[in-house]
């Protein structure tokens, strides 16, 4: 398995400018409704990307 294109630096940059995971995904060019959402959320957690400033996406709060 090759290296992920979602590096810690790239994920940190996307998270820093976003209020929600959906916004961060948009910055990365990922459809927020895709299955990649779970992968990126887990990768952010695993790489300890700071998302403490984020809020839940309204479409995911229900």
N, C-alpha and C. Protein backbone atom coordinates (compact mmCIF):
# COMPACT_ATOMS: atom_id res chain seq x y z
N UNK A 1 0.85 -1.17 0.00
CA UNK A 1 0.00 0.00 0.00
C UNK A 1 0.89 1.24 0.00
N UNK A 2 0.58 2.20 -0.89
CA UNK A 2 1.38 3.42 -1.01
C UNK A 2 1.04 4.44 0.06
N UNK A 3 1.80 5.50 0.04
CA UNK A 3 1.58 6.59 0.99
C UNK A 3 0.30 7.34 0.62
N UNK A 4 -0.41 7.79 1.62
CA UNK A 4 -1.64 8.54 1.41
C UNK A 4 -1.33 9.93 0.87
N UNK A 5 -2.21 10.41 0.01
CA UNK A 5 -2.07 11.78 -0.48
C UNK A 5 -2.53 12.79 0.57
N UNK A 6 -3.19 12.28 1.62
CA UNK A 6 -3.68 13.13 2.70
C UNK A 6 -2.64 13.15 3.82
N UNK A 7 -1.60 13.94 3.62
CA UNK A 7 -0.52 14.04 4.60
C UNK A 7 -0.99 14.85 5.80
N UNK A 8 -0.26 14.74 6.90
CA UNK A 8 -0.60 15.50 8.10
C UNK A 8 -0.61 16.99 7.79
N UNK A 9 0.37 17.45 7.04
CA UNK A 9 0.46 18.88 6.71
C UNK A 9 -0.74 19.33 5.89
N UNK A 10 -1.13 18.53 4.92
CA UNK A 10 -2.28 18.88 4.07
C UNK A 10 -3.58 18.88 4.88
N UNK A 11 -3.74 17.90 5.75
CA UNK A 11 -4.94 17.83 6.58
C UNK A 11 -4.98 18.98 7.58
N UNK A 12 -3.83 19.33 8.15
CA UNK A 12 -3.78 20.45 9.10
C UNK A 12 -4.17 21.76 8.41
N UNK A 13 -3.67 21.96 7.21
CA UNK A 13 -3.99 23.18 6.47
C UNK A 13 -5.49 23.26 6.18
N UNK A 14 -6.07 22.16 5.76
CA UNK A 14 -7.50 22.12 5.47
C UNK A 14 -8.32 22.35 6.73
N UNK A 15 -7.92 21.73 7.84
CA UNK A 15 -8.65 21.85 9.10
C UNK A 15 -8.54 23.26 9.68
N UNK A 16 -7.38 23.86 9.53
CA UNK A 16 -7.13 25.20 10.10
C UNK A 16 -8.09 26.24 9.53
N UNK A 17 -8.41 26.14 8.25
CA UNK A 17 -9.28 27.12 7.62
C UNK A 17 -10.74 26.75 7.60
N UNK A 18 -11.12 25.67 8.27
CA UNK A 18 -12.50 25.18 8.19
C UNK A 18 -13.19 25.21 9.55
N UNK A 19 -14.50 25.45 9.52
CA UNK A 19 -15.29 25.39 10.75
C UNK A 19 -15.90 24.02 10.96
N UNK A 20 -16.00 23.25 9.87
CA UNK A 20 -16.59 21.91 9.94
C UNK A 20 -15.74 20.93 9.12
N UNK A 21 -15.96 19.66 9.34
CA UNK A 21 -15.28 18.65 8.54
C UNK A 21 -15.69 18.79 7.08
N UNK A 22 -16.94 19.10 6.81
CA UNK A 22 -17.40 19.27 5.43
C UNK A 22 -16.62 20.38 4.73
N UNK A 23 -16.35 21.48 5.43
CA UNK A 23 -15.56 22.56 4.84
C UNK A 23 -14.13 22.09 4.57
N UNK A 24 -13.56 21.35 5.49
CA UNK A 24 -12.20 20.83 5.29
C UNK A 24 -12.17 19.88 4.09
N UNK A 25 -13.18 19.05 3.97
CA UNK A 25 -13.26 18.14 2.83
C UNK A 25 -13.35 18.91 1.53
N UNK A 26 -14.14 19.98 1.52
CA UNK A 26 -14.25 20.81 0.32
C UNK A 26 -12.91 21.41 -0.07
N UNK A 27 -12.14 21.84 0.92
CA UNK A 27 -10.81 22.38 0.66
C UNK A 27 -9.91 21.33 0.02
N UNK A 28 -10.11 20.08 0.43
CA UNK A 28 -9.31 18.98 -0.11
C UNK A 28 -9.84 18.46 -1.45
N UNK A 29 -10.99 19.00 -1.88
CA UNK A 29 -11.58 18.54 -3.14
C UNK A 29 -12.34 17.24 -3.01
N UNK A 30 -12.81 16.94 -1.80
CA UNK A 30 -13.53 15.69 -1.54
C UNK A 30 -15.01 15.99 -1.32
N UNK A 31 -15.87 15.20 -1.94
CA UNK A 31 -17.31 15.34 -1.75
C UNK A 31 -17.64 14.95 -0.31
N UNK A 32 -18.25 15.88 0.47
CA UNK A 32 -18.57 15.58 1.87
C UNK A 32 -19.52 14.39 2.06
N UNK A 33 -20.24 14.01 1.02
CA UNK A 33 -21.15 12.88 1.11
C UNK A 33 -20.53 11.55 0.72
N UNK A 34 -19.26 11.58 0.35
CA UNK A 34 -18.61 10.36 -0.12
C UNK A 34 -18.10 9.50 1.03
N UNK A 35 -17.74 8.28 0.70
CA UNK A 35 -17.20 7.37 1.72
C UNK A 35 -15.81 7.79 2.18
N UNK A 36 -15.16 8.68 1.44
CA UNK A 36 -13.84 9.18 1.82
C UNK A 36 -13.91 10.01 3.10
N UNK A 37 -15.09 10.53 3.42
CA UNK A 37 -15.29 11.33 4.63
C UNK A 37 -14.81 10.57 5.88
N UNK A 38 -15.23 9.34 6.03
CA UNK A 38 -14.86 8.53 7.19
C UNK A 38 -13.35 8.30 7.23
N UNK A 39 -12.78 8.03 6.06
CA UNK A 39 -11.33 7.79 5.97
C UNK A 39 -10.56 9.02 6.44
N UNK A 40 -10.96 10.19 5.94
CA UNK A 40 -10.24 11.41 6.30
C UNK A 40 -10.45 11.76 7.77
N UNK A 41 -11.66 11.60 8.27
CA UNK A 41 -11.92 11.87 9.70
C UNK A 41 -11.04 10.97 10.56
N UNK A 42 -10.95 9.70 10.22
CA UNK A 42 -10.12 8.76 10.99
C UNK A 42 -8.64 9.10 10.84
N UNK A 43 -8.23 9.48 9.64
CA UNK A 43 -6.82 9.84 9.42
C UNK A 43 -6.45 11.08 10.23
N UNK A 44 -7.35 12.07 10.29
CA UNK A 44 -7.10 13.26 11.12
C UNK A 44 -6.93 12.87 12.58
N UNK A 45 -7.79 11.97 13.05
CA UNK A 45 -7.70 11.52 14.44
C UNK A 45 -6.37 10.80 14.68
N UNK A 46 -6.02 9.90 13.77
CA UNK A 46 -4.79 9.11 13.90
C UNK A 46 -3.54 9.98 13.88
N UNK A 47 -3.53 11.01 13.03
CA UNK A 47 -2.38 11.91 12.91
C UNK A 47 -2.43 13.07 13.91
N UNK A 48 -3.46 13.07 14.76
CA UNK A 48 -3.65 14.08 15.80
C UNK A 48 -3.71 15.49 15.23
N UNK A 49 -4.49 15.64 14.15
CA UNK A 49 -4.74 16.96 13.56
C UNK A 49 -5.72 17.68 14.47
N UNK A 50 -5.39 18.91 14.85
CA UNK A 50 -6.23 19.69 15.76
C UNK A 50 -7.52 20.12 15.05
N UNK A 51 -8.64 19.60 15.53
CA UNK A 51 -9.95 19.99 15.02
C UNK A 51 -10.82 20.53 16.15
N UNK A 52 -10.19 20.93 17.23
CA UNK A 52 -10.94 21.38 18.41
C UNK A 52 -11.77 22.63 18.14
N UNK A 53 -11.40 23.41 17.13
CA UNK A 53 -12.14 24.62 16.80
C UNK A 53 -13.36 24.33 15.94
N UNK A 54 -13.49 23.10 15.46
CA UNK A 54 -14.56 22.73 14.54
C UNK A 54 -15.87 22.49 15.27
N UNK A 55 -16.95 22.66 14.52
CA UNK A 55 -18.28 22.31 15.01
C UNK A 55 -18.80 21.20 14.12
N UNK A 56 -19.86 20.54 14.58
CA UNK A 56 -20.47 19.50 13.74
C UNK A 56 -21.15 20.14 12.55
N UNK A 57 -21.06 19.47 11.41
CA UNK A 57 -21.76 19.93 10.21
C UNK A 57 -23.25 19.81 10.46
N UNK A 58 -24.03 20.83 10.10
CA UNK A 58 -25.47 20.78 10.33
C UNK A 58 -26.13 19.53 9.75
N UNK A 59 -25.69 19.08 8.57
CA UNK A 59 -26.30 17.91 7.95
C UNK A 59 -25.94 16.63 8.69
N UNK A 60 -24.94 16.66 9.55
CA UNK A 60 -24.52 15.48 10.31
C UNK A 60 -25.03 15.51 11.76
N UNK A 61 -25.69 16.59 12.16
CA UNK A 61 -26.12 16.74 13.56
C UNK A 61 -27.37 15.95 13.87
N UNK A 62 -28.13 15.60 12.89
CA UNK A 62 -29.41 14.91 13.12
C UNK A 62 -29.23 13.49 13.58
